[in-house]
N, C-alpha and C. Protein backbone atom coordinates (compact mmCIF):
# COMPACT_ATOMS: atom_id res chain seq x y z
N MET A 1 0.84 -1.18 0.00
CA MET A 1 0.00 0.00 0.00
C MET A 1 0.88 1.24 0.00
N VAL A 2 0.54 2.19 -0.82
CA VAL A 2 1.26 3.46 -0.86
C VAL A 2 0.65 4.37 0.19
N GLU A 3 1.45 4.90 1.08
CA GLU A 3 0.95 5.77 2.13
C GLU A 3 1.59 7.15 1.97
N PRO A 4 0.80 8.14 1.55
CA PRO A 4 1.34 9.49 1.39
C PRO A 4 1.61 10.12 2.75
N THR A 5 2.40 11.16 2.76
CA THR A 5 2.76 11.81 4.01
C THR A 5 1.98 13.09 4.23
N LYS A 6 1.13 13.48 3.31
CA LYS A 6 0.32 14.68 3.48
C LYS A 6 -1.12 14.40 3.08
N ARG A 7 -2.01 15.29 3.50
CA ARG A 7 -3.43 15.13 3.21
C ARG A 7 -3.65 15.05 1.70
N THR A 8 -4.50 14.15 1.30
CA THR A 8 -4.79 13.93 -0.11
C THR A 8 -6.23 14.30 -0.41
N ASP A 9 -6.48 14.95 -1.51
CA ASP A 9 -7.83 15.28 -1.95
C ASP A 9 -8.35 14.12 -2.80
N LEU A 10 -9.27 13.33 -2.24
CA LEU A 10 -9.77 12.14 -2.93
C LEU A 10 -10.46 12.46 -4.24
N LEU A 11 -11.23 13.52 -4.27
CA LEU A 11 -11.92 13.89 -5.50
C LEU A 11 -10.91 14.16 -6.61
N ARG A 12 -9.84 14.87 -6.30
CA ARG A 12 -8.80 15.16 -7.29
C ARG A 12 -8.14 13.86 -7.78
N LEU A 13 -7.83 12.95 -6.85
CA LEU A 13 -7.21 11.68 -7.24
C LEU A 13 -8.10 10.88 -8.18
N ILE A 14 -9.38 10.81 -7.87
CA ILE A 14 -10.32 10.06 -8.71
C ILE A 14 -10.40 10.70 -10.10
N LYS A 15 -10.54 12.03 -10.14
CA LYS A 15 -10.64 12.72 -11.43
C LYS A 15 -9.37 12.57 -12.26
N GLU A 16 -8.21 12.65 -11.60
CA GLU A 16 -6.94 12.48 -12.33
C GLU A 16 -6.85 11.09 -12.94
N ARG A 17 -7.24 10.08 -12.19
CA ARG A 17 -7.17 8.71 -12.68
C ARG A 17 -8.11 8.53 -13.88
N MET A 18 -9.32 9.10 -13.78
CA MET A 18 -10.26 8.99 -14.89
C MET A 18 -9.78 9.76 -16.11
N ALA A 19 -9.12 10.90 -15.89
CA ALA A 19 -8.65 11.74 -16.99
C ALA A 19 -7.51 11.08 -17.77
N GLN A 20 -6.88 10.08 -17.20
CA GLN A 20 -5.79 9.40 -17.90
C GLN A 20 -6.29 8.67 -19.13
N GLU A 21 -7.58 8.41 -19.18
CA GLU A 21 -8.19 7.75 -20.34
C GLU A 21 -7.43 6.49 -20.76
N ASP A 22 -7.03 5.73 -19.78
CA ASP A 22 -6.31 4.50 -20.11
C ASP A 22 -7.07 3.28 -19.60
N GLY A 23 -8.40 3.33 -19.71
CA GLY A 23 -9.19 2.18 -19.34
C GLY A 23 -9.87 2.27 -17.99
N TRP A 24 -9.79 3.38 -17.28
CA TRP A 24 -10.45 3.52 -15.98
C TRP A 24 -11.89 3.98 -16.15
N LYS A 25 -12.79 3.41 -15.34
CA LYS A 25 -14.19 3.78 -15.39
C LYS A 25 -14.73 3.83 -13.96
N LEU A 26 -15.47 4.90 -13.64
CA LEU A 26 -16.11 5.01 -12.33
C LEU A 26 -17.32 4.08 -12.33
N ILE A 27 -17.29 3.04 -11.48
CA ILE A 27 -18.39 2.06 -11.48
C ILE A 27 -19.28 2.18 -10.26
N GLU A 28 -18.83 2.88 -9.24
CA GLU A 28 -19.62 3.02 -8.01
C GLU A 28 -19.24 4.35 -7.39
N ASP A 29 -20.24 5.14 -7.00
CA ASP A 29 -19.97 6.41 -6.33
C ASP A 29 -21.22 6.85 -5.58
N VAL A 30 -21.34 6.42 -4.34
CA VAL A 30 -22.52 6.71 -3.54
C VAL A 30 -22.56 8.17 -3.11
N GLU A 31 -23.75 8.64 -2.84
CA GLU A 31 -23.94 9.99 -2.31
C GLU A 31 -23.39 10.04 -0.88
N PRO A 32 -22.95 11.22 -0.44
CA PRO A 32 -22.44 11.33 0.94
C PRO A 32 -23.55 11.05 1.96
N LEU A 33 -23.21 10.30 2.99
CA LEU A 33 -24.17 9.96 4.02
C LEU A 33 -23.71 10.31 5.43
N LEU A 34 -22.44 10.18 5.71
CA LEU A 34 -21.98 10.30 7.09
C LEU A 34 -22.18 11.67 7.70
N ASP A 35 -22.28 12.72 6.90
CA ASP A 35 -22.47 14.05 7.49
C ASP A 35 -23.86 14.19 8.11
N ARG A 36 -24.72 13.19 7.90
CA ARG A 36 -26.05 13.21 8.50
C ARG A 36 -26.10 12.42 9.81
N PHE A 37 -24.97 11.89 10.23
CA PHE A 37 -24.92 11.14 11.47
C PHE A 37 -24.29 11.99 12.57
N GLN A 38 -24.74 11.75 13.77
CA GLN A 38 -24.14 12.41 14.91
C GLN A 38 -23.58 11.33 15.82
N GLY A 39 -22.49 11.63 16.49
CA GLY A 39 -21.90 10.66 17.39
C GLY A 39 -20.65 10.04 16.81
N SER A 40 -20.33 8.85 17.29
CA SER A 40 -19.08 8.23 16.88
C SER A 40 -19.30 7.14 15.84
N ILE A 41 -18.21 6.63 15.35
CA ILE A 41 -18.20 5.61 14.31
C ILE A 41 -17.65 4.33 14.92
N GLU A 42 -18.19 3.21 14.48
CA GLU A 42 -17.63 1.93 14.90
C GLU A 42 -17.05 1.23 13.68
N THR A 43 -16.08 0.38 13.92
CA THR A 43 -15.50 -0.40 12.83
C THR A 43 -16.13 -1.79 12.84
N ILE A 44 -16.11 -2.38 11.66
CA ILE A 44 -16.66 -3.73 11.54
C ILE A 44 -15.84 -4.51 10.52
N GLY A 45 -15.48 -5.73 10.88
CA GLY A 45 -14.73 -6.58 9.97
C GLY A 45 -15.60 -7.06 8.81
N PHE A 46 -14.95 -7.42 7.72
CA PHE A 46 -15.70 -7.86 6.54
C PHE A 46 -15.30 -9.24 6.06
N LEU A 47 -14.28 -9.83 6.65
CA LEU A 47 -13.87 -11.17 6.23
C LEU A 47 -14.65 -12.23 6.99
N GLN A 48 -14.83 -13.37 6.35
CA GLN A 48 -15.44 -14.52 7.01
C GLN A 48 -14.33 -15.48 7.41
N ALA A 49 -14.67 -16.43 8.25
CA ALA A 49 -13.69 -17.39 8.78
C ALA A 49 -12.88 -18.02 7.65
N GLY A 50 -11.57 -18.01 7.80
CA GLY A 50 -10.67 -18.62 6.83
C GLY A 50 -10.24 -17.72 5.68
N GLU A 51 -10.83 -16.55 5.55
CA GLU A 51 -10.47 -15.63 4.47
C GLU A 51 -9.34 -14.70 4.90
N LYS A 52 -8.50 -14.33 3.94
CA LYS A 52 -7.45 -13.32 4.17
C LYS A 52 -7.69 -12.11 3.28
N PHE A 53 -8.21 -12.34 2.08
CA PHE A 53 -8.51 -11.31 1.10
C PHE A 53 -9.86 -11.63 0.47
N ILE A 54 -10.55 -10.57 -0.02
CA ILE A 54 -11.73 -10.78 -0.84
C ILE A 54 -11.68 -9.83 -2.03
N GLU A 55 -12.40 -10.17 -3.07
CA GLU A 55 -12.47 -9.34 -4.27
C GLU A 55 -13.41 -8.15 -4.03
N TYR A 56 -13.32 -7.14 -4.90
CA TYR A 56 -14.11 -5.93 -4.72
C TYR A 56 -15.61 -6.21 -4.67
N LYS A 57 -16.14 -7.01 -5.60
CA LYS A 57 -17.59 -7.28 -5.63
C LYS A 57 -18.07 -7.83 -4.30
N GLU A 58 -17.32 -8.74 -3.73
CA GLU A 58 -17.68 -9.32 -2.43
C GLU A 58 -17.57 -8.27 -1.32
N LEU A 59 -16.55 -7.43 -1.36
CA LEU A 59 -16.40 -6.36 -0.38
C LEU A 59 -17.59 -5.41 -0.45
N LEU A 60 -17.99 -5.04 -1.65
CA LEU A 60 -19.13 -4.15 -1.84
C LEU A 60 -20.42 -4.78 -1.31
N ASP A 61 -20.66 -6.04 -1.66
CA ASP A 61 -21.86 -6.73 -1.17
C ASP A 61 -21.89 -6.80 0.35
N ARG A 62 -20.76 -7.12 0.95
CA ARG A 62 -20.71 -7.21 2.41
C ARG A 62 -20.87 -5.84 3.07
N ALA A 63 -20.29 -4.81 2.46
CA ALA A 63 -20.45 -3.45 3.00
C ALA A 63 -21.92 -3.06 3.02
N LYS A 64 -22.64 -3.38 1.96
CA LYS A 64 -24.08 -3.08 1.91
C LYS A 64 -24.83 -3.86 2.98
N GLN A 65 -24.52 -5.15 3.11
CA GLN A 65 -25.19 -5.99 4.11
C GLN A 65 -24.93 -5.51 5.54
N LEU A 66 -23.74 -4.98 5.78
CA LEU A 66 -23.33 -4.56 7.13
C LEU A 66 -23.70 -3.12 7.45
N GLY A 67 -24.32 -2.41 6.50
CA GLY A 67 -24.64 -1.00 6.74
C GLY A 67 -23.40 -0.13 6.75
N ALA A 68 -22.40 -0.51 5.94
CA ALA A 68 -21.12 0.19 5.91
C ALA A 68 -20.73 0.56 4.49
N HIS A 69 -21.71 0.98 3.68
CA HIS A 69 -21.51 1.27 2.26
C HIS A 69 -21.26 2.77 2.07
N TYR A 70 -20.03 3.20 2.28
CA TYR A 70 -19.66 4.61 2.21
C TYR A 70 -18.55 4.81 1.19
N GLY A 71 -18.47 6.03 0.62
CA GLY A 71 -17.52 6.30 -0.44
C GLY A 71 -16.60 7.47 -0.15
N ARG A 72 -16.11 8.09 -1.24
CA ARG A 72 -15.08 9.13 -1.14
C ARG A 72 -15.53 10.35 -0.37
N HIS A 73 -16.79 10.75 -0.53
CA HIS A 73 -17.29 11.92 0.20
C HIS A 73 -17.26 11.66 1.70
N ASP A 74 -17.65 10.46 2.08
CA ASP A 74 -17.66 10.08 3.48
C ASP A 74 -16.24 9.94 4.03
N ALA A 75 -15.33 9.39 3.22
CA ALA A 75 -13.93 9.29 3.65
C ALA A 75 -13.37 10.68 3.94
N GLN A 76 -13.68 11.63 3.07
CA GLN A 76 -13.21 13.00 3.29
C GLN A 76 -13.84 13.59 4.56
N TYR A 77 -15.13 13.32 4.78
CA TYR A 77 -15.81 13.81 5.98
C TYR A 77 -15.18 13.21 7.24
N VAL A 78 -14.93 11.91 7.24
CA VAL A 78 -14.30 11.26 8.40
C VAL A 78 -12.90 11.84 8.62
N TYR A 79 -12.16 12.05 7.53
CA TYR A 79 -10.83 12.65 7.66
C TYR A 79 -10.93 14.02 8.35
N ASP A 80 -11.86 14.85 7.87
CA ASP A 80 -11.99 16.21 8.40
C ASP A 80 -12.50 16.24 9.84
N HIS A 81 -13.17 15.19 10.29
CA HIS A 81 -13.74 15.14 11.65
C HIS A 81 -13.19 13.97 12.46
N GLN A 82 -11.99 13.55 12.16
CA GLN A 82 -11.46 12.34 12.77
C GLN A 82 -11.25 12.44 14.27
N GLU A 83 -10.98 13.63 14.79
CA GLU A 83 -10.73 13.76 16.22
C GLU A 83 -11.93 13.26 17.02
N GLU A 84 -13.14 13.62 16.59
CA GLU A 84 -14.33 13.17 17.32
C GLU A 84 -14.85 11.82 16.83
N LEU A 85 -14.70 11.50 15.55
CA LEU A 85 -15.30 10.29 15.01
C LEU A 85 -14.45 9.03 15.19
N LEU A 86 -13.13 9.18 15.19
CA LEU A 86 -12.26 8.00 15.23
C LEU A 86 -11.53 7.80 16.56
N ALA A 87 -11.92 8.56 17.56
CA ALA A 87 -11.21 8.52 18.85
C ALA A 87 -11.18 7.13 19.46
N GLY A 88 -12.23 6.34 19.31
CA GLY A 88 -12.29 5.03 19.96
C GLY A 88 -11.89 3.86 19.09
N ILE A 89 -11.33 4.10 17.91
CA ILE A 89 -10.95 3.01 17.01
C ILE A 89 -9.74 2.26 17.61
N PRO A 90 -9.84 0.93 17.76
CA PRO A 90 -8.72 0.16 18.34
C PRO A 90 -7.43 0.36 17.53
N LYS A 91 -6.30 0.36 18.23
CA LYS A 91 -5.00 0.55 17.57
C LYS A 91 -4.66 -0.57 16.60
N THR A 92 -5.30 -1.72 16.74
CA THR A 92 -5.04 -2.84 15.82
C THR A 92 -5.62 -2.58 14.44
N VAL A 93 -6.57 -1.64 14.34
CA VAL A 93 -7.15 -1.27 13.04
C VAL A 93 -6.26 -0.22 12.40
N ARG A 94 -5.67 -0.55 11.26
CA ARG A 94 -4.75 0.37 10.59
C ARG A 94 -5.34 0.98 9.33
N TYR A 95 -6.36 0.31 8.73
CA TYR A 95 -6.94 0.78 7.48
C TYR A 95 -8.46 0.75 7.56
N LEU A 96 -9.10 1.77 6.98
CA LEU A 96 -10.56 1.83 6.88
C LEU A 96 -10.91 1.95 5.40
N PHE A 97 -11.66 1.00 4.88
CA PHE A 97 -12.03 1.00 3.47
C PHE A 97 -13.38 1.68 3.25
N PHE A 98 -13.51 2.36 2.10
CA PHE A 98 -14.74 3.05 1.69
C PHE A 98 -15.13 2.55 0.30
N PRO A 99 -15.72 1.35 0.20
CA PRO A 99 -15.98 0.75 -1.10
C PRO A 99 -17.15 1.35 -1.88
N GLY A 100 -17.80 2.38 -1.34
CA GLY A 100 -18.90 3.03 -2.04
C GLY A 100 -18.46 3.89 -3.22
N THR A 101 -17.15 4.10 -3.36
CA THR A 101 -16.58 4.73 -4.57
C THR A 101 -15.56 3.75 -5.12
N CYS A 102 -15.66 3.47 -6.41
CA CYS A 102 -14.70 2.55 -7.02
C CYS A 102 -14.46 2.91 -8.47
N LEU A 103 -13.19 2.96 -8.83
CA LEU A 103 -12.77 3.04 -10.23
C LEU A 103 -12.30 1.65 -10.63
N MET A 104 -12.71 1.20 -11.79
CA MET A 104 -12.31 -0.13 -12.25
C MET A 104 -11.55 0.03 -13.56
N HIS A 105 -10.40 -0.62 -13.66
CA HIS A 105 -9.63 -0.63 -14.89
C HIS A 105 -10.21 -1.70 -15.81
N GLU A 106 -10.01 -1.54 -17.11
CA GLU A 106 -10.53 -2.53 -18.07
C GLU A 106 -9.95 -3.92 -17.82
N ASN A 107 -8.80 -3.99 -17.14
CA ASN A 107 -8.22 -5.30 -16.82
C ASN A 107 -8.81 -5.89 -15.54
N GLY A 108 -9.76 -5.16 -14.91
CA GLY A 108 -10.44 -5.68 -13.72
C GLY A 108 -9.88 -5.20 -12.40
N ALA A 109 -8.84 -4.37 -12.41
CA ALA A 109 -8.24 -3.88 -11.17
C ALA A 109 -9.03 -2.70 -10.60
N PRO A 110 -9.55 -2.83 -9.36
CA PRO A 110 -10.30 -1.73 -8.76
C PRO A 110 -9.43 -0.86 -7.85
N ILE A 111 -9.80 0.41 -7.69
CA ILE A 111 -9.21 1.25 -6.65
C ILE A 111 -10.36 1.90 -5.88
N ILE A 112 -10.19 1.98 -4.57
CA ILE A 112 -11.20 2.58 -3.70
C ILE A 112 -10.52 3.51 -2.70
N PRO A 113 -11.26 4.47 -2.14
CA PRO A 113 -10.69 5.31 -1.09
C PRO A 113 -10.48 4.49 0.19
N TYR A 114 -9.44 4.87 0.93
CA TYR A 114 -9.23 4.28 2.24
C TYR A 114 -8.54 5.29 3.13
N MET A 115 -8.65 5.07 4.42
CA MET A 115 -7.91 5.87 5.40
C MET A 115 -6.90 4.94 6.04
N PHE A 116 -5.76 5.48 6.42
CA PHE A 116 -4.75 4.68 7.10
C PHE A 116 -4.20 5.46 8.29
N ARG A 117 -3.86 4.70 9.32
CA ARG A 117 -3.27 5.26 10.53
C ARG A 117 -1.79 5.50 10.26
N THR A 118 -1.36 6.75 10.41
CA THR A 118 0.01 7.12 10.05
C THR A 118 1.04 6.73 11.11
N GLY A 119 0.60 6.51 12.34
CA GLY A 119 1.54 6.17 13.40
C GLY A 119 2.04 7.39 14.15
N LYS A 120 1.65 8.57 13.71
CA LYS A 120 2.02 9.80 14.42
C LYS A 120 0.90 10.81 14.26
N VAL A 121 0.85 11.76 15.16
CA VAL A 121 -0.17 12.80 15.14
C VAL A 121 0.44 14.06 14.53
N ASP A 122 -0.25 14.65 13.53
CA ASP A 122 0.28 15.85 12.87
C ASP A 122 -0.05 17.11 13.67
N LYS A 123 0.30 18.27 13.13
CA LYS A 123 0.11 19.55 13.82
C LYS A 123 -1.36 19.85 14.11
N GLU A 124 -2.25 19.35 13.26
CA GLU A 124 -3.69 19.56 13.46
C GLU A 124 -4.31 18.51 14.38
N GLY A 125 -3.50 17.61 14.92
CA GLY A 125 -4.01 16.58 15.81
C GLY A 125 -4.56 15.37 15.09
N ARG A 126 -4.21 15.20 13.83
CA ARG A 126 -4.72 14.08 13.03
C ARG A 126 -3.73 12.92 13.01
N GLU A 127 -4.28 11.74 13.23
CA GLU A 127 -3.47 10.52 13.20
C GLU A 127 -3.73 9.70 11.93
N TRP A 128 -4.77 10.04 11.17
CA TRP A 128 -5.18 9.30 9.99
C TRP A 128 -5.01 10.16 8.74
N ASP A 129 -4.74 9.51 7.60
CA ASP A 129 -4.69 10.20 6.31
C ASP A 129 -5.57 9.41 5.34
N VAL A 130 -5.83 10.00 4.17
CA VAL A 130 -6.67 9.36 3.16
C VAL A 130 -5.89 9.18 1.86
N TYR A 131 -6.23 8.14 1.13
CA TYR A 131 -5.61 7.89 -0.16
C TYR A 131 -6.49 6.92 -0.93
N ILE A 132 -5.98 6.36 -2.01
CA ILE A 132 -6.73 5.35 -2.76
C ILE A 132 -5.97 4.03 -2.71
N PHE A 133 -6.72 2.94 -2.53
CA PHE A 133 -6.16 1.60 -2.39
C PHE A 133 -6.34 0.84 -3.69
N TRP A 134 -5.25 0.29 -4.19
CA TRP A 134 -5.25 -0.50 -5.41
C TRP A 134 -5.57 -1.94 -5.02
N GLY A 135 -6.76 -2.43 -5.40
CA GLY A 135 -7.20 -3.75 -4.97
C GLY A 135 -7.04 -4.84 -6.01
N GLU A 136 -6.01 -4.75 -6.81
CA GLU A 136 -5.79 -5.73 -7.88
C GLU A 136 -5.72 -7.16 -7.36
N PHE A 137 -5.16 -7.33 -6.16
CA PHE A 137 -5.01 -8.68 -5.61
C PHE A 137 -5.99 -8.94 -4.48
N GLY A 138 -7.02 -8.12 -4.37
CA GLY A 138 -8.03 -8.29 -3.34
C GLY A 138 -7.85 -7.29 -2.21
N PHE A 139 -8.75 -7.37 -1.25
CA PHE A 139 -8.78 -6.45 -0.12
C PHE A 139 -8.54 -7.23 1.16
N PRO A 140 -7.43 -6.93 1.87
CA PRO A 140 -7.09 -7.66 3.09
C PRO A 140 -7.95 -7.20 4.27
N GLY A 141 -8.25 -8.11 5.15
CA GLY A 141 -9.07 -7.75 6.30
C GLY A 141 -8.41 -7.97 7.64
N ASP A 142 -7.13 -8.36 7.64
CA ASP A 142 -6.48 -8.61 8.93
C ASP A 142 -6.29 -7.34 9.75
N VAL A 143 -5.96 -6.23 9.12
CA VAL A 143 -5.79 -4.95 9.82
C VAL A 143 -6.68 -3.87 9.23
N ALA A 144 -7.61 -4.26 8.36
CA ALA A 144 -8.52 -3.31 7.71
C ALA A 144 -9.96 -3.61 8.12
N GLN A 145 -10.76 -2.55 8.18
CA GLN A 145 -12.16 -2.68 8.55
C GLN A 145 -13.00 -1.72 7.72
N LEU A 146 -14.29 -1.91 7.79
CA LEU A 146 -15.25 -0.94 7.26
C LEU A 146 -15.71 -0.09 8.44
N ILE A 147 -16.39 1.01 8.14
CA ILE A 147 -16.92 1.85 9.21
C ILE A 147 -18.41 2.01 9.04
N ARG A 148 -19.07 2.28 10.15
CA ARG A 148 -20.48 2.64 10.13
C ARG A 148 -20.77 3.45 11.39
N PRO A 149 -21.70 4.37 11.29
CA PRO A 149 -22.05 5.18 12.45
C PRO A 149 -22.73 4.35 13.54
N LYS A 150 -22.51 4.73 14.78
CA LYS A 150 -23.18 4.06 15.89
C LYS A 150 -24.60 4.59 16.08
N ASN A 151 -24.85 5.82 15.67
CA ASN A 151 -26.15 6.44 15.88
C ASN A 151 -26.99 6.45 14.63
N LYS A 152 -28.27 6.71 14.78
CA LYS A 152 -29.22 6.69 13.67
C LYS A 152 -29.07 7.92 12.76
N LEU A 153 -29.55 7.76 11.54
CA LEU A 153 -29.52 8.82 10.53
C LEU A 153 -30.33 10.03 10.99
N GLN A 154 -29.75 11.20 10.85
CA GLN A 154 -30.44 12.46 11.18
C GLN A 154 -30.93 13.09 9.89
N SER A 155 -32.07 13.70 9.90
CA SER A 155 -32.57 14.36 8.69
C SER A 155 -31.81 15.67 8.49
N LYS A 156 -31.60 16.02 7.22
CA LYS A 156 -30.87 17.25 6.90
C LYS A 156 -31.81 18.43 6.90
């Protein structure tokens, strides 16, 4: 996994990848949802017994089943509000996947937004950064989780 050292604009990364016109297509891009939740976020595993990796389609299906189907807008929201939203995330969780946004290459390789724990706190008090995860060989679940709000949806 490539881990940048500075804040990344997910929308810009997605647009740049699509602008390359080398076989990338936006196949999934959910509307933002997390800004309508109040309270904290919980993590949830997505692997079943005996699995180490799963393909994107399975990750997406499980995210929907688990109520954890969030994309790039939500990843950016969590990044911007991480002090209050991610305070209780166990240290064993290093990656948070957001499969609600996905670019797929014509060869079948998907990329999705993810957050990763940097191991240090920056000047703004942030311990997490955002980037895009290349899932060509599947999505690992040993140190990665999905997220979902603990509280109910609030009307806008």
